[in-house]
Amino acid sequence: MVLDVRAEQRFLDDAERRGAAAARSGALDPLTLQSDDRVPYFAALASVRDRVIRGIGAEAHRAEEQARLDDAHALAEAARLRAEVELIDGEVERTDEQIATTTRQLDLLAMRSSRWNRFRDSLRERVERNVLEGDGGQSRRHRGPGDEPDNPGAGTGGAADDGDRQWVNVGQPAPGAAASDGVAGPGRVTVPTGAGATGAGLARAWEGLHKRPAVPDWMRWALLGLILAVELPIYWVAYQPFHGIGNVDVDVQTGVLAAGTAVLMVILPHLAGLMLRRRPETGSVRAGWLPALSLLGVWAFLTGVLGVVRAKYVMQTEEPPPATDGFTPADTGAGTDSLIERLSLEPWTVTWLFVALLVLSGGIGFLLALCREHPHLDAYRTAIERRGELVRRRELSLVAAERERVTADTAEARSEDRRAAVEDRVRATRELHEAAAHRYLDGVLLAAREPAVTEAAMRLSQKWPLLPMTRSDVSV
């Protein structure tokens, strides 16, 4: 469609008005209408039609050029996305290898734990067996040669002793168990022995990943920030006696020193805990525990010193006011007792109070570091999250590659559709201007006063097309 419906209707109505005006003014006569010369208005319509068709052609050429660029870009983008999918597949394979490696590492940790449990249970079994054998030998020494036990199972680990030792976990059969065919009876309790045995609670493989870590990173940093905010006023008050009170420069010095000390006393044990926690990691410093424990020793020393300083500041004795008018401080009732004396506290209580608070705050930072996941478990979780992200990227790349491939494959079909659309627009333009020429003659027929003009207009209107079929410059 060249114009909308209203614009086309206005264009046709204008052509009819022009024809009526030309007939009333006498500009048209039978000779003009019957001659082979072109009617002036028809020449104007043909010129307008050709100009519109050339505009359609230019627009079609621009659209075709842009479409070719888009198709070439879609083809290149499809190739890039296919290459990206191949790279993602390689990364997924490497991530799967990392997951398998970390899983084997975690299975190894589970096996080590199982070996330790088996070793612990074997020691426990030996101790329990020795206890039972010792009790049985002592009871036999107290009985005479002809004495028979009241209970036939006494001294042999039977029913008499079984009632008092239900917690004993030994590898000997209980009463009513063990026939010669090896089928366990109702009271049989055994302990697995040998390298290949596995019992309840003795895992030979890793139990699997938890849904989320125990202490997320955001919670760990939030707790460390909270500890810093709590400790900062303590160090501020502790350093005030060294710098003074009331001056801006002095307050700045006290604040900087207090902030540095708070950060040091919280971050130092946390870093030590991180170093100790990351010792099982591949490539970590195996002797890292030595500087970590050394730093913890320095931190403990500073904790004691700062606790004593803070306690001394609280335990300082207030100076008595000067005597006035012959009255001494004792006469005025002003004492020289310190704060802890007024609170009935002991000096060591106050000192250990502040030391314990500093140890507690630093110890929380140390525990937060130890609460991090095992390096192997952290690597496994990171690999799992990385694999999920890669899989999502791969799916998006596949969808985008398929979309670009379809765009490139349908380039020819879409070009044919565009060419057909341009031809339809050109045809509609010709028909519109041809209809305008006929509406022009309708106006002449309605407004002409001479029968000859009317007859000539009727004969001319039977001709199709009225406008000359000029060669279009459109190449579609």
Protein backbone atom coordinates (compact mmCIF):
# COMPACT_ATOMS: atom_id res chain seq x y z
CA MET A 1 0.00 0.00 0.00
CA VAL A 2 1.42 3.39 -1.04
CA LEU A 3 -0.86 5.58 1.07
CA ASP A 4 -3.40 4.92 3.72
CA VAL A 5 -7.09 4.71 2.86
CA ARG A 6 -7.92 8.31 3.75
CA ALA A 7 -4.95 9.73 1.87
CA GLU A 8 -5.83 7.70 -1.22
CA GLN A 9 -9.41 8.88 -1.05
CA ARG A 10 -8.30 12.51 -0.75
CA PHE A 11 -5.95 12.02 -3.70
CA LEU A 12 -8.73 10.62 -5.88
CA ASP A 13 -11.20 13.32 -4.81
CA ASP A 14 -8.63 15.98 -5.68
CA ALA A 15 -8.23 14.48 -9.17
CA GLU A 16 -12.00 14.56 -9.67
CA ARG A 17 -12.18 18.21 -8.57
CA ARG A 18 -9.40 19.09 -10.97
CA GLY A 19 -11.27 17.43 -13.83
CA ALA A 20 -14.48 19.28 -12.96
CA ALA A 21 -12.64 22.59 -12.73
CA ALA A 22 -10.96 22.03 -16.09
CA ALA A 23 -14.32 21.22 -17.73
CA ARG A 24 -16.02 24.32 -16.29
CA SER A 25 -13.20 26.62 -17.30
CA GLY A 26 -13.21 25.36 -20.88
CA ALA A 27 -9.61 24.25 -20.77
CA LEU A 28 -10.63 20.93 -22.34
CA ASP A 29 -12.19 20.56 -25.77
CA PRO A 30 -12.97 17.53 -27.92
CA LEU A 31 -9.80 17.95 -29.95
CA THR A 32 -7.61 17.86 -26.83
CA LEU A 33 -9.39 14.80 -25.48
CA GLN A 34 -9.39 12.91 -28.81
CA SER A 35 -5.88 13.79 -29.96
CA ASP A 36 -2.86 11.61 -29.33
CA ASP A 37 -1.27 14.34 -27.29
CA ARG A 38 -1.10 13.80 -23.59
CA VAL A 39 -3.61 15.58 -21.37
CA PRO A 40 -1.61 18.00 -19.19
CA TYR A 41 -2.93 16.54 -15.95
CA PHE A 42 -2.12 13.02 -17.13
CA ALA A 43 1.45 14.10 -17.78
CA ALA A 44 1.64 15.49 -14.23
CA LEU A 45 0.22 12.26 -12.81
CA ALA A 46 2.75 10.18 -14.78
CA SER A 47 5.57 12.34 -13.46
CA VAL A 48 4.38 11.97 -9.88
CA ARG A 49 3.92 8.22 -10.38
CA ASP A 50 7.43 7.78 -11.75
CA ARG A 51 8.90 9.80 -8.89
CA VAL A 52 7.08 7.65 -6.32
CA ILE A 53 8.23 4.47 -8.05
CA ARG A 54 11.84 5.67 -8.07
CA GLY A 55 11.54 6.39 -4.32
CA ILE A 56 10.21 2.89 -3.76
CA GLY A 57 13.14 1.49 -5.74
CA ALA A 58 15.71 3.48 -3.78
CA GLU A 59 14.16 2.38 -0.50
CA ALA A 60 14.14 -1.23 -1.72
CA HIS A 61 17.82 -1.01 -2.65
CA ARG A 62 18.73 0.35 0.79
CA ALA A 63 16.63 -2.32 2.51
CA GLU A 64 18.24 -5.03 0.37
CA GLU A 65 21.72 -3.77 1.19
CA GLN A 66 20.95 -3.69 4.92
CA ALA A 67 19.40 -7.15 4.69
CA ARG A 68 22.56 -8.52 3.03
CA LEU A 69 24.66 -7.01 5.81
CA ASP A 70 22.35 -8.49 8.42
CA ASP A 71 22.48 -11.90 6.78
CA ALA A 72 26.27 -11.80 6.61
CA HIS A 73 26.40 -10.75 10.24
CA ALA A 74 24.01 -13.57 11.18
CA LEU A 75 26.21 -16.06 9.34
CA ALA A 76 29.34 -14.82 11.10
CA GLU A 77 27.55 -14.72 14.45
CA ALA A 78 26.35 -18.30 13.98
CA ALA A 79 29.95 -19.40 13.30
CA ARG A 80 31.16 -17.49 16.36
CA LEU A 81 28.49 -19.03 18.56
CA ARG A 82 29.32 -22.51 17.31
CA ALA A 83 32.96 -21.91 18.15
CA GLU A 84 31.89 -20.59 21.56
CA VAL A 85 29.83 -23.73 22.15
CA GLU A 86 32.89 -25.85 21.32
CA LEU A 87 34.99 -23.84 23.78
CA ILE A 88 32.31 -24.19 26.44
CA ASP A 89 32.21 -27.94 25.82
CA GLY A 90 35.95 -28.06 26.41
CA GLU A 91 35.58 -26.04 29.61
CA VAL A 92 32.76 -28.33 30.74
CA GLU A 93 35.00 -31.35 30.16
CA ARG A 94 37.81 -29.77 32.17
CA THR A 95 35.33 -28.84 34.89
CA ASP A 96 34.06 -32.43 34.96
CA GLU A 97 37.66 -33.58 35.39
CA GLN A 98 38.07 -31.14 38.28
CA ILE A 99 34.84 -32.42 39.83
CA ALA A 100 36.04 -36.00 39.48
CA THR A 101 39.44 -35.08 40.96
CA THR A 102 37.93 -33.30 43.96
CA THR A 103 35.49 -36.17 44.43
CA ARG A 104 38.39 -38.61 44.58
CA GLN A 105 40.15 -36.33 47.06
CA LEU A 106 37.04 -36.23 49.22
CA ASP A 107 36.66 -40.01 48.95
CA LEU A 108 40.25 -40.29 50.13
CA LEU A 109 39.43 -38.12 53.14
CA ALA A 110 36.43 -40.35 53.86
CA MET A 111 38.64 -43.44 53.65
CA ARG A 112 41.14 -41.89 56.05
CA SER A 113 38.33 -41.12 58.45
CA SER A 114 37.09 -44.70 58.10
CA ARG A 115 40.55 -46.08 58.81
CA TRP A 116 40.78 -43.95 61.91
CA ASN A 117 37.35 -45.17 63.04
CA ARG A 118 38.35 -48.79 62.47
CA PHE A 119 41.61 -48.26 64.36
CA ARG A 120 39.72 -46.64 67.24
CA ASP A 121 37.17 -49.46 67.32
CA SER A 122 39.90 -52.10 67.27
CA LEU A 123 41.56 -50.46 70.29
CA ARG A 124 38.24 -50.29 72.04
CA GLU A 125 37.57 -53.95 71.26
CA ARG A 126 40.91 -54.99 72.70
CA VAL A 127 40.34 -53.00 75.88
CA GLU A 128 36.84 -54.41 76.30
CA ARG A 129 38.04 -57.97 75.68
CA ASN A 130 40.84 -57.55 78.23
CA VAL A 131 38.33 -56.20 80.75
CA LEU A 132 36.03 -59.15 80.20
CA GLU A 133 38.84 -61.69 80.39
CA GLY A 134 40.19 -60.07 83.54
CA ASP A 135 36.78 -60.18 85.23
CA GLY A 136 36.30 -63.81 84.23
CA GLY A 137 39.69 -64.93 85.59
CA GLN A 138 39.14 -63.15 88.89
CA SER A 139 35.72 -64.79 89.38
CA ARG A 140 37.25 -68.23 88.70
CA ARG A 141 39.92 -67.62 91.35
CA HIS A 142 37.25 -66.85 93.99
CA ARG A 143 35.28 -70.06 93.25
CA GLY A 144 36.30 -73.46 94.65
CA PRO A 145 37.11 -76.48 92.48
CA GLY A 146 33.74 -78.09 93.08
CA ASP A 147 31.69 -74.96 93.05
CA GLU A 148 29.44 -74.47 90.07
CA PRO A 149 28.26 -71.05 89.12
CA ASP A 150 24.69 -70.20 89.74
CA ASN A 151 24.42 -69.11 86.13
CA PRO A 152 26.06 -71.36 83.57
CA GLY A 153 27.06 -68.40 81.48
CA ALA A 154 28.92 -66.60 84.29
CA GLY A 155 32.57 -65.87 83.63
CA THR A 156 32.25 -66.71 79.95
CA GLY A 157 30.67 -63.62 78.67
CA GLY A 158 27.22 -65.22 78.93
CA ALA A 159 23.83 -63.98 79.93
CA ALA A 160 24.79 -63.04 83.50
CA ASP A 161 27.38 -60.55 82.40
CA ASP A 162 25.49 -59.50 79.30
CA GLY A 163 22.78 -57.81 81.33
CA ASP A 164 25.30 -55.54 83.03
CA ARG A 165 27.43 -54.86 79.95
CA GLN A 166 25.02 -54.04 77.16
CA TRP A 167 27.38 -51.31 75.99
CA VAL A 168 30.19 -53.76 75.31
CA ASN A 169 30.80 -54.08 71.55
CA VAL A 170 32.98 -57.19 71.10
CA GLY A 171 33.33 -59.76 68.39
CA GLN A 172 32.17 -62.69 70.48
CA PRO A 173 28.73 -64.32 70.13
CA ALA A 174 26.05 -63.64 72.66
CA PRO A 175 23.72 -66.32 74.02
CA GLY A 176 21.24 -67.75 71.58
CA ALA A 177 23.33 -66.62 68.58
CA ALA A 178 25.63 -68.44 66.43
CA ALA A 179 24.95 -71.79 65.17
CA SER A 180 27.55 -73.76 63.31
CA ASP A 181 26.13 -72.59 59.98
CA GLY A 182 27.27 -69.02 60.75
CA VAL A 183 23.77 -67.48 60.91
CA ALA A 184 23.65 -64.71 63.45
CA GLY A 185 21.27 -65.12 66.34
CA PRO A 186 19.14 -62.46 68.03
CA GLY A 187 21.82 -61.34 70.48
CA ARG A 188 24.91 -61.42 68.30
CA VAL A 189 27.01 -58.23 68.28
CA THR A 190 30.06 -58.10 66.06
CA VAL A 191 32.75 -55.62 65.11
CA PRO A 192 34.04 -55.63 61.53
CA THR A 193 37.63 -56.70 61.16
CA GLY A 194 39.95 -56.76 58.20
CA ALA A 195 40.78 -54.21 55.55
CA GLY A 196 37.72 -54.88 53.44
CA ALA A 197 35.10 -54.76 56.17
CA THR A 198 32.74 -51.83 56.48
CA GLY A 199 30.41 -51.26 59.37
CA ALA A 200 27.75 -48.80 60.38
CA GLY A 201 29.15 -45.29 60.39
CA LEU A 202 32.37 -46.30 58.60
CA ALA A 203 32.03 -44.62 55.23
CA ARG A 204 34.29 -45.65 52.39
CA ALA A 205 33.20 -42.73 50.18
CA TRP A 206 32.31 -39.08 50.60
CA GLU A 207 28.75 -38.54 51.78
CA GLY A 208 28.03 -35.70 49.31
CA LEU A 209 27.80 -31.94 49.16
CA HIS A 210 25.70 -29.94 51.59
CA LYS A 211 23.09 -27.63 50.19
CA ARG A 212 24.97 -24.53 51.31
CA PRO A 213 28.12 -23.76 53.33
CA ALA A 214 27.85 -23.50 57.09
CA VAL A 215 29.02 -19.88 57.26
CA PRO A 216 28.57 -17.96 53.98
CA ASP A 217 31.11 -15.30 53.09
CA TRP A 218 28.66 -12.45 53.56
CA MET A 219 27.86 -13.63 57.09
CA ARG A 220 31.55 -14.07 57.91
CA TRP A 221 32.44 -10.55 56.80
CA ALA A 222 29.37 -9.12 58.53
CA LEU A 223 30.40 -10.72 61.83
CA LEU A 224 33.97 -9.46 61.46
CA GLY A 225 32.64 -5.95 60.81
CA LEU A 226 30.39 -6.20 63.85
CA ILE A 227 33.34 -7.26 66.03
CA LEU A 228 35.35 -4.30 64.74
CA ALA A 229 32.49 -1.92 65.53
CA VAL A 230 32.26 -3.34 69.07
CA GLU A 231 36.00 -3.24 69.80
CA LEU A 232 36.72 0.21 68.39
CA PRO A 233 35.31 2.15 71.39
CA ILE A 234 37.30 -0.06 73.78
CA TYR A 235 40.60 0.82 72.12
CA TRP A 236 39.54 4.44 71.86
CA VAL A 237 39.09 4.68 75.62
CA ALA A 238 42.27 2.67 76.25
CA TYR A 239 44.44 5.07 74.22
CA GLN A 240 42.93 8.29 75.52
CA PRO A 241 45.27 8.49 78.57
CA PHE A 242 48.27 8.43 76.22
CA HIS A 243 47.15 11.32 73.99
CA GLY A 244 44.72 13.34 76.07
CA ILE A 245 41.16 14.51 75.57
CA GLY A 246 39.56 17.59 74.06
CA ASN A 247 41.84 18.40 71.13
CA VAL A 248 41.02 17.57 67.51
CA ASP A 249 44.56 16.49 66.65
CA VAL A 250 44.71 14.33 69.75
CA ASP A 251 41.36 12.73 68.94
CA VAL A 252 42.52 12.02 65.39
CA GLN A 253 45.66 10.29 66.68
CA THR A 254 43.66 8.30 69.18
CA GLY A 255 41.09 7.32 66.55
CA VAL A 256 43.70 6.22 64.00
CA LEU A 257 45.55 4.15 66.58
CA ALA A 258 42.32 2.66 67.92
CA ALA A 259 41.08 1.76 64.41
CA GLY A 260 44.43 0.22 63.47
CA THR A 261 44.55 -1.79 66.66
CA ALA A 262 40.97 -3.00 66.23
CA VAL A 263 41.65 -4.13 62.67
CA LEU A 264 44.90 -5.79 63.70
CA MET A 265 43.42 -7.62 66.69
CA VAL A 266 40.51 -8.96 64.63
CA ILE A 267 42.12 -9.66 61.27
CA LEU A 268 45.33 -11.19 62.64
CA PRO A 269 43.69 -14.28 64.23
CA HIS A 270 41.35 -14.53 61.26
CA LEU A 271 44.31 -14.69 58.85
CA ALA A 272 45.98 -17.25 61.08
CA GLY A 273 42.83 -19.36 61.00
CA LEU A 274 42.64 -19.06 57.21
CA MET A 275 46.23 -20.22 56.86
CA LEU A 276 45.62 -23.19 59.11
CA ARG A 277 42.39 -24.01 57.30
CA ARG A 278 44.05 -23.97 53.87
CA ARG A 279 46.92 -26.27 54.79
CA PRO A 280 45.37 -29.32 53.01
CA GLU A 281 45.11 -27.30 49.80
CA THR A 282 47.36 -28.30 46.93
CA GLY A 283 50.26 -25.89 46.63
CA SER A 284 49.78 -24.40 50.08
CA VAL A 285 52.67 -23.72 52.42
CA ARG A 286 52.97 -26.90 54.48
CA ALA A 287 54.89 -25.11 57.22
CA GLY A 288 52.31 -22.31 57.32
CA TRP A 289 51.18 -23.40 60.75
CA LEU A 290 54.43 -22.04 62.21
CA PRO A 291 53.93 -18.36 61.29
CA ALA A 292 50.21 -18.72 61.99
CA LEU A 293 50.81 -19.92 65.54
CA SER A 294 53.56 -17.33 65.98
CA LEU A 295 51.15 -14.58 64.99
CA LEU A 296 48.59 -16.01 67.38
CA GLY A 297 51.23 -15.82 70.14
CA VAL A 298 51.87 -12.17 69.33
CA TRP A 299 48.15 -11.54 69.30
CA ALA A 300 47.77 -13.23 72.69
CA PHE A 301 50.57 -11.06 74.12
CA LEU A 302 48.98 -7.88 72.75
CA THR A 303 45.62 -9.02 74.10
CA GLY A 304 47.07 -9.31 77.59
CA VAL A 305 48.82 -5.94 77.37
CA LEU A 306 45.74 -4.13 76.05
CA GLY A 307 43.55 -5.79 78.66
CA VAL A 308 45.89 -4.65 81.44
CA VAL A 309 46.00 -1.10 80.02
CA ARG A 310 42.24 -0.93 79.87
CA ALA A 311 41.94 -2.33 83.40
CA LYS A 312 44.51 0.17 84.77
CA TYR A 313 42.56 2.98 83.23
CA VAL A 314 39.42 1.80 85.02
CA MET A 315 41.25 1.14 88.31
CA GLN A 316 42.95 4.54 88.51
CA THR A 317 42.27 6.50 91.69
CA GLU A 318 40.46 9.79 91.44
CA GLU A 319 42.42 12.78 92.72
CA PRO A 320 40.83 14.49 95.76
CA PRO A 321 39.63 18.04 95.31
CA PRO A 322 41.81 20.79 96.82
CA ALA A 323 41.10 22.03 100.34
CA THR A 324 39.02 25.19 100.57
CA ASP A 325 38.38 27.52 103.52
CA GLY A 326 40.30 25.30 105.89
CA PHE A 327 38.31 22.16 105.13
CA THR A 328 40.13 19.01 104.14
CA PRO A 329 38.72 16.41 101.70
CA ALA A 330 37.98 14.09 104.59
CA ASP A 331 35.90 16.85 106.18
CA THR A 332 33.91 17.37 102.98
CA GLY A 333 33.27 13.64 102.55
CA ALA A 334 35.19 13.39 99.22
CA GLY A 335 37.01 10.06 99.04
CA THR A 336 39.88 8.83 96.93
CA ASP A 337 38.46 5.40 96.17
CA SER A 338 38.72 4.02 92.64
CA LEU A 339 35.81 2.74 90.60
CA ILE A 340 36.48 -0.94 91.34
CA GLU A 341 36.63 -0.20 95.08
CA ARG A 342 33.28 1.48 94.90
CA LEU A 343 31.94 -1.54 92.96
CA SER A 344 33.58 -3.99 95.40
CA LEU A 345 35.60 -5.68 92.65
CA GLU A 346 39.03 -7.21 92.71
CA PRO A 347 41.76 -5.85 90.40
CA TRP A 348 42.41 -9.24 88.86
CA THR A 349 38.71 -9.56 88.08
CA VAL A 350 38.71 -6.37 86.01
CA THR A 351 41.96 -7.29 84.30
CA TRP A 352 40.80 -10.74 83.30
CA LEU A 353 37.46 -9.32 82.24
CA PHE A 354 39.00 -7.12 79.55
CA VAL A 355 41.54 -9.76 78.56
CA ALA A 356 38.75 -12.33 78.17
CA LEU A 357 36.71 -9.90 76.05
CA LEU A 358 39.65 -9.31 73.72
CA VAL A 359 40.38 -13.04 73.53
CA LEU A 360 36.72 -13.72 72.79
CA SER A 361 36.51 -11.18 69.95
CA GLY A 362 39.73 -12.39 68.37
CA GLY A 363 38.78 -16.01 68.93
CA ILE A 364 35.51 -15.47 67.08
CA GLY A 365 37.49 -14.22 64.08
CA PHE A 366 39.74 -17.27 64.36
CA LEU A 367 36.74 -19.60 64.49
CA LEU A 368 35.13 -17.85 61.53
CA ALA A 369 38.24 -18.66 59.52
CA LEU A 370 38.16 -22.28 60.65
CA CYS A 371 34.45 -22.49 59.80
CA ARG A 372 35.26 -22.12 56.13
CA GLU A 373 34.78 -25.21 54.01
CA HIS A 374 37.58 -27.69 53.55
CA PRO A 375 39.70 -26.68 50.51
CA HIS A 376 38.70 -29.85 48.66
CA LEU A 377 35.03 -29.24 49.40
CA ASP A 378 35.35 -25.59 48.44
CA ALA A 379 36.98 -26.62 45.15
CA TYR A 380 34.18 -29.12 44.53
CA ARG A 381 31.44 -26.56 45.20
CA THR A 382 33.21 -23.98 43.02
CA ALA A 383 33.54 -26.51 40.19
CA ILE A 384 29.87 -27.46 40.49
CA GLU A 385 28.79 -23.82 40.36
CA ARG A 386 31.17 -23.20 37.45
CA ARG A 387 29.76 -26.17 35.57
CA GLY A 388 26.18 -24.95 36.10
CA GLU A 389 27.14 -21.53 34.77
CA LEU A 390 28.86 -23.09 31.75
CA VAL A 391 25.83 -25.26 31.01
CA ARG A 392 23.56 -22.21 31.10
CA ARG A 393 25.93 -20.32 28.80
CA ARG A 394 26.05 -23.29 26.46
CA GLU A 395 22.25 -23.48 26.26
CA LEU A 396 22.00 -19.74 25.54
CA SER A 397 24.74 -19.98 22.91
CA LEU A 398 23.05 -22.94 21.26
CA VAL A 399 19.73 -21.09 21.09
CA ALA A 400 21.40 -17.95 19.70
CA ALA A 401 23.42 -19.99 17.17
CA GLU A 402 20.29 -21.77 15.98
CA ARG A 403 18.49 -18.45 15.61
CA GLU A 404 21.34 -16.92 13.61
CA ARG A 405 21.64 -20.08 11.48
CA VAL A 406 17.94 -19.95 10.64
CA THR A 407 18.32 -16.26 9.76
CA ALA A 408 21.22 -17.02 7.43
CA ASP A 409 19.47 -20.02 5.85
CA THR A 410 16.31 -18.05 5.08
CA ALA A 411 18.14 -15.12 3.50
CA GLU A 412 17.14 -16.05 -0.05
CA ALA A 413 13.50 -16.61 0.88
CA ARG A 414 13.31 -13.31 2.66
CA SER A 415 14.93 -11.60 -0.32
CA GLU A 416 12.20 -13.02 -2.56
CA ASP A 417 9.57 -11.80 -0.11
CA ARG A 418 11.06 -8.31 -0.16
CA ARG A 419 11.17 -8.32 -3.96
CA ALA A 420 7.53 -9.38 -4.14
CA ALA A 421 6.59 -6.67 -1.64
CA VAL A 422 8.35 -4.03 -3.77
CA GLU A 423 6.54 -5.24 -6.89
CA ASP A 424 3.23 -5.02 -5.04
CA ARG A 425 3.98 -1.45 -4.00
CA VAL A 426 4.91 -0.47 -7.56
CA ARG A 427 1.75 -2.08 -8.90
CA ALA A 428 -0.35 -0.31 -6.28
CA THR A 429 1.26 3.00 -7.22
CA ARG A 430 0.46 2.53 -10.90
CA GLU A 431 -3.11 1.52 -10.16
CA LEU A 432 -3.61 4.47 -7.81
CA HIS A 433 -2.45 7.02 -10.36
CA GLU A 434 -4.42 5.28 -13.10
CA ALA A 435 -7.50 5.50 -10.88
CA ALA A 436 -6.77 9.19 -10.34
CA ALA A 437 -6.71 9.72 -14.14
CA HIS A 438 -10.11 8.04 -14.47
CA ARG A 439 -11.49 10.12 -11.59
CA TYR A 440 -10.25 13.17 -13.45
CA LEU A 441 -12.33 12.17 -16.48
CA ASP A 442 -15.30 11.49 -14.19
CA GLY A 443 -15.06 15.06 -13.00
CA VAL A 444 -14.95 16.23 -16.60
CA LEU A 445 -18.08 14.19 -17.45
CA LEU A 446 -19.98 15.59 -14.52
CA ALA A 447 -19.04 19.23 -15.07
CA ALA A 448 -18.88 19.50 -18.89
CA ARG A 449 -21.57 21.62 -20.56
CA GLU A 450 -20.86 20.65 -24.16
CA PRO A 451 -22.00 17.27 -25.43
CA ALA A 452 -18.93 16.96 -27.62
CA VAL A 453 -16.64 17.30 -24.61
CA THR A 454 -18.71 14.74 -22.72
CA GLU A 455 -18.60 12.30 -25.64
CA ALA A 456 -14.85 12.75 -26.07
CA ALA A 457 -14.27 12.20 -22.33
CA MET A 458 -16.39 9.03 -22.40
CA ARG A 459 -14.41 7.63 -25.32
CA LEU A 460 -11.13 8.46 -23.62
CA SER A 461 -12.19 6.83 -20.35
CA GLN A 462 -12.63 3.51 -22.20
CA LYS A 463 -8.89 3.46 -22.87
CA TRP A 464 -6.63 1.52 -20.46
CA PRO A 465 -4.19 2.54 -19.29
CA LEU A 466 -4.65 6.25 -19.58
CA LEU A 467 -1.19 7.07 -18.29
CA PRO A 468 1.80 6.09 -20.39
CA MET A 469 3.59 2.94 -19.21
CA THR A 470 7.01 4.46 -18.84
CA ARG A 471 9.96 2.19 -18.06
CA SER A 472 10.63 2.05 -14.38
CA ASP A 473 14.08 2.53 -12.94
CA VAL A 474 13.30 -0.02 -10.24
CA SER A 475 15.51 -3.13 -10.28
CA VAL A 476 14.16 -5.76 -7.95
